[in-house]
N, C-alpha and C. Protein backbone atom coordinates (compact mmCIF):
# COMPACT_ATOMS: atom_id res chain seq x y z
N MET A 1 -36.78 192.15 93.83
CA MET A 1 -37.17 190.77 93.88
C MET A 1 -37.02 190.27 95.32
N MET A 2 -38.02 189.58 95.80
CA MET A 2 -38.00 189.08 97.17
C MET A 2 -37.45 187.66 97.19
N THR A 3 -36.46 187.44 98.06
CA THR A 3 -35.90 186.11 98.21
C THR A 3 -36.85 185.27 99.06
N SER A 4 -37.07 184.04 98.66
CA SER A 4 -37.99 183.14 99.35
C SER A 4 -37.61 183.00 100.81
N GLY A 5 -38.62 183.12 101.66
CA GLY A 5 -38.40 182.88 103.08
C GLY A 5 -38.08 184.12 103.90
N ILE A 6 -37.86 185.27 103.27
CA ILE A 6 -37.62 186.48 104.05
C ILE A 6 -38.53 187.59 103.55
N THR A 7 -38.78 188.53 104.43
CA THR A 7 -39.64 189.66 104.07
C THR A 7 -38.86 190.67 103.24
N ARG A 8 -39.56 191.61 102.67
CA ARG A 8 -38.92 192.67 101.87
C ARG A 8 -37.97 193.48 102.76
N GLU A 9 -38.41 193.77 103.98
CA GLU A 9 -37.56 194.54 104.90
C GLU A 9 -36.28 193.77 105.24
N GLU A 10 -36.43 192.46 105.46
CA GLU A 10 -35.24 191.64 105.73
C GLU A 10 -34.32 191.60 104.53
N GLN A 11 -34.90 191.56 103.33
CA GLN A 11 -34.10 191.57 102.10
C GLN A 11 -33.29 192.86 101.99
N VAL A 12 -33.90 194.00 102.29
CA VAL A 12 -33.21 195.30 102.24
C VAL A 12 -32.07 195.32 103.25
N GLU A 13 -32.33 194.84 104.46
CA GLU A 13 -31.29 194.81 105.50
C GLU A 13 -30.15 193.87 105.12
N LEU A 14 -30.49 192.73 104.53
CA LEU A 14 -29.46 191.78 104.10
C LEU A 14 -28.60 192.40 103.00
N ASP A 15 -29.24 193.02 102.02
CA ASP A 15 -28.48 193.67 100.94
C ASP A 15 -27.52 194.71 101.51
N LYS A 16 -28.02 195.53 102.43
CA LYS A 16 -27.18 196.58 103.03
C LYS A 16 -25.99 195.97 103.77
N ALA A 17 -26.25 194.92 104.56
CA ALA A 17 -25.17 194.27 105.30
C ALA A 17 -24.14 193.66 104.36
N LEU A 18 -24.62 193.05 103.28
CA LEU A 18 -23.68 192.44 102.32
C LEU A 18 -22.85 193.50 101.61
N TYR A 19 -23.48 194.59 101.19
CA TYR A 19 -22.72 195.66 100.54
C TYR A 19 -21.74 196.31 101.51
N ASP A 20 -22.14 196.48 102.77
CA ASP A 20 -21.23 197.04 103.77
C ASP A 20 -20.02 196.13 103.97
N ALA A 21 -20.23 194.82 103.94
CA ALA A 21 -19.12 193.87 104.09
C ALA A 21 -18.30 193.80 102.81
N LEU A 22 -18.94 193.98 101.66
CA LEU A 22 -18.26 193.82 100.38
C LEU A 22 -17.35 195.00 100.04
N ASN A 23 -17.75 196.22 100.35
CA ASN A 23 -16.99 197.39 99.93
C ASN A 23 -15.53 197.37 100.37
N PRO A 24 -15.21 197.06 101.62
CA PRO A 24 -13.78 197.01 101.98
C PRO A 24 -13.02 195.94 101.21
N LEU A 25 -13.66 194.81 100.97
CA LEU A 25 -13.02 193.74 100.21
C LEU A 25 -12.79 194.17 98.77
N ALA A 26 -13.79 194.78 98.15
CA ALA A 26 -13.64 195.25 96.76
C ALA A 26 -12.56 196.31 96.68
N SER A 27 -12.51 197.21 97.65
CA SER A 27 -11.47 198.24 97.66
C SER A 27 -10.08 197.61 97.80
N ALA A 28 -9.95 196.64 98.67
CA ALA A 28 -8.65 195.98 98.87
C ALA A 28 -8.22 195.24 97.60
N ILE A 29 -9.15 194.56 96.95
CA ILE A 29 -8.83 193.85 95.70
C ILE A 29 -8.40 194.85 94.64
N ARG A 30 -9.14 195.93 94.51
CA ARG A 30 -8.81 196.97 93.52
C ARG A 30 -7.44 197.56 93.81
N ALA A 31 -7.14 197.84 95.07
CA ALA A 31 -5.85 198.42 95.44
C ALA A 31 -4.72 197.46 95.11
N ARG A 32 -4.90 196.17 95.35
CA ARG A 32 -3.85 195.20 95.05
C ARG A 32 -3.62 195.08 93.55
N THR A 33 -4.68 195.10 92.76
CA THR A 33 -4.51 194.90 91.32
C THR A 33 -4.02 196.14 90.59
N THR A 34 -4.29 197.33 91.13
CA THR A 34 -3.89 198.56 90.42
C THR A 34 -2.74 199.30 91.07
N GLY A 35 -2.52 199.05 92.35
CA GLY A 35 -1.50 199.80 93.07
C GLY A 35 -2.04 201.13 93.58
N LEU A 36 -3.30 201.46 93.32
CA LEU A 36 -3.90 202.68 93.83
C LEU A 36 -4.28 202.49 95.30
N SER A 37 -4.39 203.59 96.01
CA SER A 37 -4.79 203.48 97.42
C SER A 37 -6.26 203.07 97.51
N VAL A 38 -6.61 202.48 98.62
CA VAL A 38 -7.99 202.03 98.86
C VAL A 38 -8.94 203.22 98.78
N ASP A 39 -8.50 204.39 99.24
CA ASP A 39 -9.36 205.59 99.23
C ASP A 39 -9.73 206.04 97.82
N ARG A 40 -8.94 205.68 96.82
CA ARG A 40 -9.17 206.18 95.46
C ARG A 40 -9.90 205.17 94.57
N MET A 41 -10.39 204.08 95.14
CA MET A 41 -11.02 203.05 94.33
C MET A 41 -12.15 203.60 93.49
N TRP A 42 -13.03 204.36 94.09
CA TRP A 42 -14.23 204.82 93.39
C TRP A 42 -13.93 205.93 92.40
N ASP A 43 -12.70 206.47 92.39
CA ASP A 43 -12.31 207.49 91.41
C ASP A 43 -11.81 206.88 90.11
N ALA A 44 -11.69 205.57 90.06
CA ALA A 44 -11.13 204.90 88.89
C ALA A 44 -12.17 204.77 87.78
N ASP A 45 -11.73 204.19 86.67
CA ASP A 45 -12.61 203.90 85.53
C ASP A 45 -13.78 203.04 86.01
N PRO A 46 -15.03 203.37 85.67
CA PRO A 46 -16.20 202.62 86.15
C PRO A 46 -16.16 201.13 85.80
N VAL A 47 -15.62 200.78 84.63
CA VAL A 47 -15.52 199.36 84.27
C VAL A 47 -14.58 198.64 85.24
N GLU A 48 -13.46 199.25 85.53
CA GLU A 48 -12.49 198.65 86.46
C GLU A 48 -13.08 198.53 87.86
N VAL A 49 -13.81 199.55 88.30
CA VAL A 49 -14.45 199.50 89.61
C VAL A 49 -15.47 198.36 89.65
N ALA A 50 -16.29 198.26 88.59
CA ALA A 50 -17.31 197.21 88.53
C ALA A 50 -16.66 195.83 88.52
N LEU A 51 -15.55 195.68 87.82
CA LEU A 51 -14.85 194.40 87.80
C LEU A 51 -14.26 194.07 89.17
N SER A 52 -13.80 195.09 89.90
CA SER A 52 -13.30 194.86 91.26
C SER A 52 -14.42 194.40 92.17
N VAL A 53 -15.60 194.99 92.00
CA VAL A 53 -16.75 194.57 92.79
C VAL A 53 -17.13 193.13 92.44
N LEU A 54 -17.11 192.80 91.16
CA LEU A 54 -17.42 191.44 90.73
C LEU A 54 -16.41 190.44 91.31
N ALA A 55 -15.13 190.82 91.31
CA ALA A 55 -14.09 189.95 91.89
C ALA A 55 -14.35 189.73 93.38
N ALA A 56 -14.79 190.78 94.06
CA ALA A 56 -15.09 190.66 95.49
C ALA A 56 -16.29 189.73 95.70
N TRP A 57 -17.31 189.83 94.83
CA TRP A 57 -18.46 188.93 94.95
C TRP A 57 -18.05 187.48 94.72
N LYS A 58 -17.07 187.27 93.85
CA LYS A 58 -16.59 185.91 93.62
C LYS A 58 -15.98 185.34 94.90
N VAL A 59 -15.21 186.17 95.61
CA VAL A 59 -14.61 185.74 96.87
C VAL A 59 -15.71 185.44 97.89
N VAL A 60 -16.71 186.32 97.96
CA VAL A 60 -17.83 186.11 98.88
C VAL A 60 -18.59 184.84 98.51
N ASP A 61 -18.83 184.62 97.23
CA ASP A 61 -19.54 183.43 96.77
C ASP A 61 -18.81 182.16 97.21
N ALA A 62 -17.49 182.13 97.04
CA ALA A 62 -16.71 180.95 97.44
C ALA A 62 -16.80 180.75 98.96
N GLU A 63 -16.77 181.85 99.70
CA GLU A 63 -16.85 181.75 101.16
C GLU A 63 -18.24 181.27 101.60
N VAL A 64 -19.28 181.76 100.95
CA VAL A 64 -20.65 181.32 101.27
C VAL A 64 -20.79 179.83 100.96
N LYS A 65 -20.23 179.36 99.87
CA LYS A 65 -20.29 177.93 99.55
C LYS A 65 -19.58 177.09 100.60
N ARG A 66 -18.43 177.59 101.07
CA ARG A 66 -17.69 176.87 102.11
C ARG A 66 -18.49 176.84 103.40
N LEU A 67 -19.05 177.98 103.78
CA LEU A 67 -19.84 178.04 105.02
C LEU A 67 -21.11 177.22 104.90
N THR A 68 -21.70 177.18 103.71
CA THR A 68 -22.90 176.37 103.48
C THR A 68 -22.56 174.89 103.63
N ALA A 69 -21.45 174.47 103.07
CA ALA A 69 -21.02 173.07 103.21
C ALA A 69 -20.77 172.74 104.68
N ASN A 70 -20.18 173.67 105.42
CA ASN A 70 -19.97 173.45 106.85
C ASN A 70 -21.30 173.30 107.59
N ALA A 71 -22.27 174.15 107.24
CA ALA A 71 -23.59 174.07 107.88
C ALA A 71 -24.27 172.75 107.55
N ALA A 72 -24.15 172.29 106.30
CA ALA A 72 -24.74 171.01 105.91
C ALA A 72 -24.06 169.87 106.66
N ALA A 73 -22.74 169.92 106.77
CA ALA A 73 -22.00 168.88 107.50
C ALA A 73 -22.36 168.88 108.98
N THR A 74 -22.55 170.05 109.54
CA THR A 74 -22.94 170.14 110.95
C THR A 74 -24.32 169.52 111.14
N ALA A 75 -25.26 169.87 110.26
CA ALA A 75 -26.60 169.29 110.35
C ALA A 75 -26.52 167.77 110.19
N GLY A 76 -25.71 167.30 109.24
CA GLY A 76 -25.54 165.86 109.04
C GLY A 76 -24.93 165.18 110.26
N SER A 77 -23.99 165.85 110.91
CA SER A 77 -23.36 165.25 112.09
C SER A 77 -24.33 165.11 113.25
N TYR A 78 -25.38 165.92 113.24
CA TYR A 78 -26.41 165.82 114.28
C TYR A 78 -27.53 164.87 113.88
N GLY A 79 -27.42 164.26 112.69
CA GLY A 79 -28.39 163.26 112.28
C GLY A 79 -29.33 163.66 111.16
N ALA A 80 -29.16 164.85 110.58
CA ALA A 80 -30.01 165.25 109.46
C ALA A 80 -29.73 164.33 108.27
N SER A 81 -30.77 164.03 107.52
CA SER A 81 -30.64 163.18 106.34
C SER A 81 -30.46 164.05 105.10
N TYR A 82 -30.07 163.41 104.00
CA TYR A 82 -29.98 164.15 102.74
C TYR A 82 -31.35 164.66 102.31
N GLU A 83 -32.39 163.92 102.64
CA GLU A 83 -33.74 164.38 102.31
C GLU A 83 -34.04 165.69 103.03
N GLN A 84 -33.66 165.78 104.30
CA GLN A 84 -33.90 167.01 105.06
C GLN A 84 -33.04 168.16 104.54
N LEU A 85 -31.78 167.89 104.24
CA LEU A 85 -30.90 168.93 103.70
C LEU A 85 -31.46 169.46 102.38
N GLY A 86 -31.89 168.54 101.53
CA GLY A 86 -32.45 168.94 100.25
C GLY A 86 -33.71 169.77 100.41
N ALA A 87 -34.57 169.39 101.35
CA ALA A 87 -35.81 170.14 101.57
C ALA A 87 -35.51 171.58 101.99
N VAL A 88 -34.53 171.75 102.87
CA VAL A 88 -34.16 173.09 103.31
C VAL A 88 -33.59 173.92 102.16
N TRP A 89 -32.83 173.27 101.28
CA TRP A 89 -32.15 173.96 100.19
C TRP A 89 -33.05 174.08 98.95
N GLY A 90 -34.18 173.37 98.95
CA GLY A 90 -35.08 173.43 97.81
C GLY A 90 -34.65 172.53 96.66
N ILE A 91 -33.96 171.44 97.01
CA ILE A 91 -33.50 170.49 95.99
C ILE A 91 -33.88 169.08 96.45
N THR A 92 -33.67 168.12 95.59
CA THR A 92 -34.00 166.74 95.94
C THR A 92 -32.95 166.15 96.87
N ARG A 93 -33.28 164.99 97.42
CA ARG A 93 -32.33 164.25 98.25
C ARG A 93 -31.06 163.95 97.46
N GLN A 94 -31.25 163.53 96.20
CA GLN A 94 -30.10 163.22 95.36
C GLN A 94 -29.27 164.48 95.08
N GLY A 95 -29.96 165.60 94.87
CA GLY A 95 -29.25 166.86 94.65
C GLY A 95 -28.43 167.26 95.86
N ALA A 96 -28.98 167.06 97.05
CA ALA A 96 -28.25 167.37 98.28
C ALA A 96 -27.03 166.46 98.43
N ARG A 97 -27.20 165.17 98.09
CA ARG A 97 -26.08 164.24 98.19
C ARG A 97 -24.97 164.64 97.22
N LYS A 98 -25.36 165.12 96.04
CA LYS A 98 -24.37 165.54 95.05
C LYS A 98 -23.69 166.85 95.49
N LYS A 99 -24.46 167.76 96.05
CA LYS A 99 -23.94 169.06 96.46
C LYS A 99 -23.00 168.95 97.66
N TRP A 100 -23.40 168.11 98.63
CA TRP A 100 -22.61 167.94 99.86
C TRP A 100 -22.36 166.45 100.09
N PRO A 101 -21.49 165.82 99.31
CA PRO A 101 -21.34 164.35 99.36
C PRO A 101 -20.90 163.80 100.71
N ASP A 102 -20.23 164.58 101.51
CA ASP A 102 -19.73 164.06 102.78
C ASP A 102 -20.50 164.59 103.98
N ALA A 103 -21.64 165.25 103.73
CA ALA A 103 -22.37 165.88 104.84
C ALA A 103 -23.03 164.87 105.77
N VAL A 104 -23.53 163.79 105.22
CA VAL A 104 -24.23 162.79 106.02
C VAL A 104 -23.37 161.54 106.05
N SER A 105 -23.03 161.11 107.27
CA SER A 105 -22.19 159.92 107.35
C SER A 105 -23.07 158.69 107.20
N ARG A 106 -22.57 157.78 106.45
CA ARG A 106 -23.26 156.51 106.25
C ARG A 106 -22.76 155.53 107.29
N PRO A 107 -23.68 154.77 107.89
CA PRO A 107 -23.22 153.80 108.88
C PRO A 107 -22.31 152.76 108.24
N VAL A 108 -21.22 152.53 108.89
CA VAL A 108 -20.28 151.53 108.40
C VAL A 108 -20.75 150.18 108.89
N PRO A 109 -20.90 149.24 107.97
CA PRO A 109 -21.34 147.92 108.42
C PRO A 109 -20.36 147.35 109.43
N ALA A 110 -20.91 146.82 110.49
CA ALA A 110 -20.06 146.25 111.52
C ALA A 110 -19.32 145.04 110.95
N ALA A 111 -18.08 144.94 111.31
CA ALA A 111 -17.31 143.79 110.88
C ALA A 111 -17.89 142.56 111.55
N VAL A 112 -17.99 141.49 110.80
CA VAL A 112 -18.53 140.26 111.36
C VAL A 112 -17.48 139.70 112.31
N ARG A 113 -17.91 139.49 113.54
CA ARG A 113 -17.02 138.92 114.54
C ARG A 113 -17.45 137.48 114.77
N THR A 114 -16.50 136.60 114.79
CA THR A 114 -16.79 135.20 115.05
C THR A 114 -15.86 134.66 116.12
N SER A 115 -16.31 133.64 116.74
CA SER A 115 -15.51 132.98 117.76
C SER A 115 -15.85 131.50 117.71
N THR A 116 -14.88 130.65 117.96
CA THR A 116 -15.11 129.21 117.94
C THR A 116 -15.05 128.68 119.37
N LEU A 117 -16.02 127.82 119.66
CA LEU A 117 -16.12 127.21 120.97
C LEU A 117 -15.96 125.70 120.79
N GLU A 118 -15.01 125.09 121.51
CA GLU A 118 -14.81 123.64 121.45
C GLU A 118 -15.04 123.07 122.84
N LEU A 119 -16.11 122.26 122.94
CA LEU A 119 -16.46 121.64 124.23
C LEU A 119 -17.03 120.25 123.98
N PHE A 120 -16.77 119.35 124.88
CA PHE A 120 -17.39 118.02 124.86
C PHE A 120 -17.21 117.30 123.53
N GLY A 121 -16.09 117.55 122.84
CA GLY A 121 -15.81 116.87 121.58
C GLY A 121 -16.51 117.48 120.37
N GLY A 122 -17.26 118.55 120.57
CA GLY A 122 -17.94 119.22 119.46
C GLY A 122 -17.45 120.66 119.32
N THR A 123 -17.92 121.30 118.29
CA THR A 123 -17.54 122.70 118.08
C THR A 123 -18.78 123.53 117.76
N ALA A 124 -18.68 124.81 118.12
CA ALA A 124 -19.74 125.75 117.79
C ALA A 124 -19.08 127.05 117.34
N GLU A 125 -19.72 127.70 116.39
CA GLU A 125 -19.23 129.00 115.93
C GLU A 125 -20.20 130.06 116.42
N LEU A 126 -19.67 131.06 117.10
CA LEU A 126 -20.46 132.19 117.58
C LEU A 126 -20.27 133.32 116.58
N VAL A 127 -21.36 133.94 116.14
CA VAL A 127 -21.29 134.99 115.12
C VAL A 127 -22.06 136.21 115.60
N GLN A 128 -21.40 137.37 115.54
CA GLN A 128 -22.10 138.60 115.86
C GLN A 128 -22.79 139.12 114.61
N ARG A 129 -24.07 139.39 114.72
CA ARG A 129 -24.86 139.91 113.60
C ARG A 129 -24.62 141.39 113.43
N PRO A 130 -24.93 141.95 112.24
CA PRO A 130 -24.78 143.40 112.04
C PRO A 130 -25.59 144.22 113.05
N SER A 131 -26.69 143.66 113.54
CA SER A 131 -27.51 144.36 114.53
C SER A 131 -26.83 144.43 115.89
N GLY A 132 -25.78 143.64 116.07
CA GLY A 132 -25.06 143.62 117.34
C GLY A 132 -25.31 142.37 118.15
N GLY A 133 -26.42 141.68 117.90
CA GLY A 133 -26.73 140.46 118.61
C GLY A 133 -25.84 139.30 118.16
N TRP A 134 -25.87 138.22 118.94
CA TRP A 134 -25.04 137.06 118.65
C TRP A 134 -25.91 135.83 118.39
N SER A 135 -25.43 134.95 117.52
CA SER A 135 -26.09 133.67 117.28
C SER A 135 -24.99 132.60 117.24
N TRP A 136 -25.42 131.36 117.13
CA TRP A 136 -24.44 130.27 117.09
C TRP A 136 -24.95 129.14 116.21
N THR A 137 -24.00 128.39 115.68
CA THR A 137 -24.28 127.13 115.00
C THR A 137 -23.25 126.13 115.52
N GLY A 138 -23.64 124.87 115.63
CA GLY A 138 -22.69 123.91 116.17
C GLY A 138 -22.89 122.51 115.65
N ARG A 139 -21.86 121.69 115.85
CA ARG A 139 -21.91 120.26 115.52
C ARG A 139 -21.39 119.53 116.75
N GLY A 140 -22.27 118.69 117.30
CA GLY A 140 -21.91 117.92 118.48
C GLY A 140 -20.96 116.78 118.14
N ALA A 141 -20.39 116.20 119.16
CA ALA A 141 -19.47 115.07 118.97
C ALA A 141 -20.18 113.89 118.34
N ASP A 142 -21.49 113.80 118.49
CA ASP A 142 -22.25 112.70 117.88
C ASP A 142 -22.67 113.01 116.44
N GLY A 143 -22.23 114.15 115.90
CA GLY A 143 -22.54 114.51 114.51
C GLY A 143 -23.80 115.34 114.35
N ALA A 144 -24.55 115.57 115.42
CA ALA A 144 -25.78 116.36 115.34
C ALA A 144 -25.44 117.84 115.11
N SER A 145 -26.26 118.48 114.29
CA SER A 145 -26.10 119.91 114.04
C SER A 145 -27.15 120.68 114.81
N GLY A 146 -26.79 121.87 115.23
CA GLY A 146 -27.73 122.72 115.95
C GLY A 146 -27.43 124.18 115.71
N ALA A 147 -28.39 125.02 116.03
CA ALA A 147 -28.22 126.46 115.87
C ALA A 147 -29.08 127.17 116.89
N ALA A 148 -28.87 128.47 117.01
CA ALA A 148 -29.69 129.28 117.91
C ALA A 148 -31.15 129.06 117.56
N ASP A 149 -31.98 128.90 118.57
CA ASP A 149 -33.41 128.62 118.37
C ASP A 149 -34.08 129.71 117.55
N ASP A 150 -34.85 129.31 116.59
CA ASP A 150 -35.67 130.14 115.70
C ASP A 150 -35.02 131.46 115.28
N GLY A 151 -33.73 131.48 115.16
CA GLY A 151 -33.03 132.65 114.63
C GLY A 151 -32.95 133.83 115.58
N THR A 152 -33.33 133.65 116.83
CA THR A 152 -33.25 134.77 117.77
C THR A 152 -31.80 135.02 118.13
N ALA A 153 -31.50 136.27 118.38
CA ALA A 153 -30.14 136.66 118.71
C ALA A 153 -29.97 136.74 120.22
N CYS A 154 -28.79 136.38 120.67
CA CYS A 154 -28.43 136.54 122.08
C CYS A 154 -27.83 137.94 122.24
N ALA A 155 -27.96 138.48 123.43
CA ALA A 155 -27.49 139.84 123.67
C ALA A 155 -25.96 139.94 123.68
N THR A 156 -25.30 138.88 124.15
CA THR A 156 -23.84 138.92 124.27
C THR A 156 -23.24 137.63 123.72
N ALA A 157 -21.93 137.69 123.49
CA ALA A 157 -21.20 136.50 123.04
C ALA A 157 -21.24 135.43 124.12
N GLU A 158 -21.20 135.84 125.38
CA GLU A 158 -21.23 134.90 126.48
C GLU A 158 -22.55 134.13 126.53
N GLU A 159 -23.66 134.85 126.28
CA GLU A 159 -24.97 134.20 126.27
C GLU A 159 -25.06 133.19 125.13
N ALA A 160 -24.57 133.58 123.95
CA ALA A 160 -24.57 132.64 122.82
C ALA A 160 -23.69 131.43 123.14
N ALA A 161 -22.55 131.66 123.80
CA ALA A 161 -21.65 130.55 124.16
C ALA A 161 -22.32 129.62 125.16
N ALA A 162 -23.11 130.19 126.07
CA ALA A 162 -23.80 129.35 127.06
C ALA A 162 -24.82 128.44 126.36
N HIS A 163 -25.58 129.00 125.43
CA HIS A 163 -26.57 128.18 124.71
C HIS A 163 -25.88 127.11 123.85
N ALA A 164 -24.80 127.52 123.18
CA ALA A 164 -24.06 126.56 122.36
C ALA A 164 -23.45 125.48 123.24
N GLY A 165 -22.96 125.86 124.43
CA GLY A 165 -22.36 124.90 125.36
C GLY A 165 -23.37 123.86 125.82
N VAL A 166 -24.61 124.29 126.06
CA VAL A 166 -25.66 123.35 126.45
C VAL A 166 -25.88 122.34 125.32
N PHE A 167 -25.96 122.84 124.08
CA PHE A 167 -26.15 121.95 122.93
C PHE A 167 -24.99 120.96 122.83
N LEU A 168 -23.75 121.46 122.92
CA LEU A 168 -22.59 120.58 122.79
C LEU A 168 -22.56 119.53 123.91
N LYS A 169 -22.95 119.91 125.12
CA LYS A 169 -22.97 118.96 126.23
C LYS A 169 -24.00 117.86 125.98
N GLU A 170 -25.17 118.26 125.42
CA GLU A 170 -26.22 117.27 125.13
C GLU A 170 -25.81 116.29 124.04
N HIS A 171 -24.84 116.68 123.22
CA HIS A 171 -24.40 115.83 122.11
C HIS A 171 -22.96 115.35 122.29
N ALA A 172 -22.55 115.27 123.55
CA ALA A 172 -21.22 114.75 123.87
C ALA A 172 -21.26 113.22 123.84
N PRO A 173 -20.10 112.54 123.65
CA PRO A 173 -20.08 111.07 123.59
C PRO A 173 -20.69 110.41 124.80
N ASP A 174 -20.42 110.93 126.00
CA ASP A 174 -20.98 110.28 127.18
C ASP A 174 -22.45 110.61 127.38
N ALA A 175 -22.96 111.64 126.69
CA ALA A 175 -24.38 111.96 126.76
C ALA A 175 -25.20 110.85 126.11
N VAL A 176 -24.64 110.23 125.06
CA VAL A 176 -25.33 109.12 124.38
C VAL A 176 -25.40 107.93 125.33
N ASP A 177 -24.31 107.70 126.06
CA ASP A 177 -24.27 106.59 127.00
C ASP A 177 -25.26 106.77 128.15
N ARG A 178 -25.51 108.03 128.54
CA ARG A 178 -26.41 108.32 129.66
C ARG A 178 -27.87 108.14 129.28
N GLN A 179 -28.18 108.08 128.00
CA GLN A 179 -29.57 107.99 127.59
C GLN A 179 -30.10 106.63 127.59
């Protein structure tokens, strides 16, 4: 049977490499469980030998799963999505998420940062948006309310404070007298 994605020749070479790696492990497992020397493994009862080989494949299977999870986590750390992981593995995005739940890091929502600005008898609240930009809302000393123009974000907290400061100055008690 040909494994998807590799040629028959590659399959034969893979099988040989796996069996070459497996035999010492199977012999060591058999020696530990029976007390026989590693050299005498193949002289034992065929059922016991076959069970030793099966036990070795179980160890290899667990190691392949561990290495596969590491490869998925590495791909995820470089920005691969669950959809991409699933496509490579031949499963759905949801299947990949279930198989490797920690492989792809989810962005942590930024904590909302706020700051209060008190100037000219009024106050303004500066708020950092999840996108990283800043906005402001304020109430002037004359009771007028204001906010960042048309919902646009300022690049920095200082820029938002400058805009809010202009608003607060325009609505200061002596600003009414100047008009």
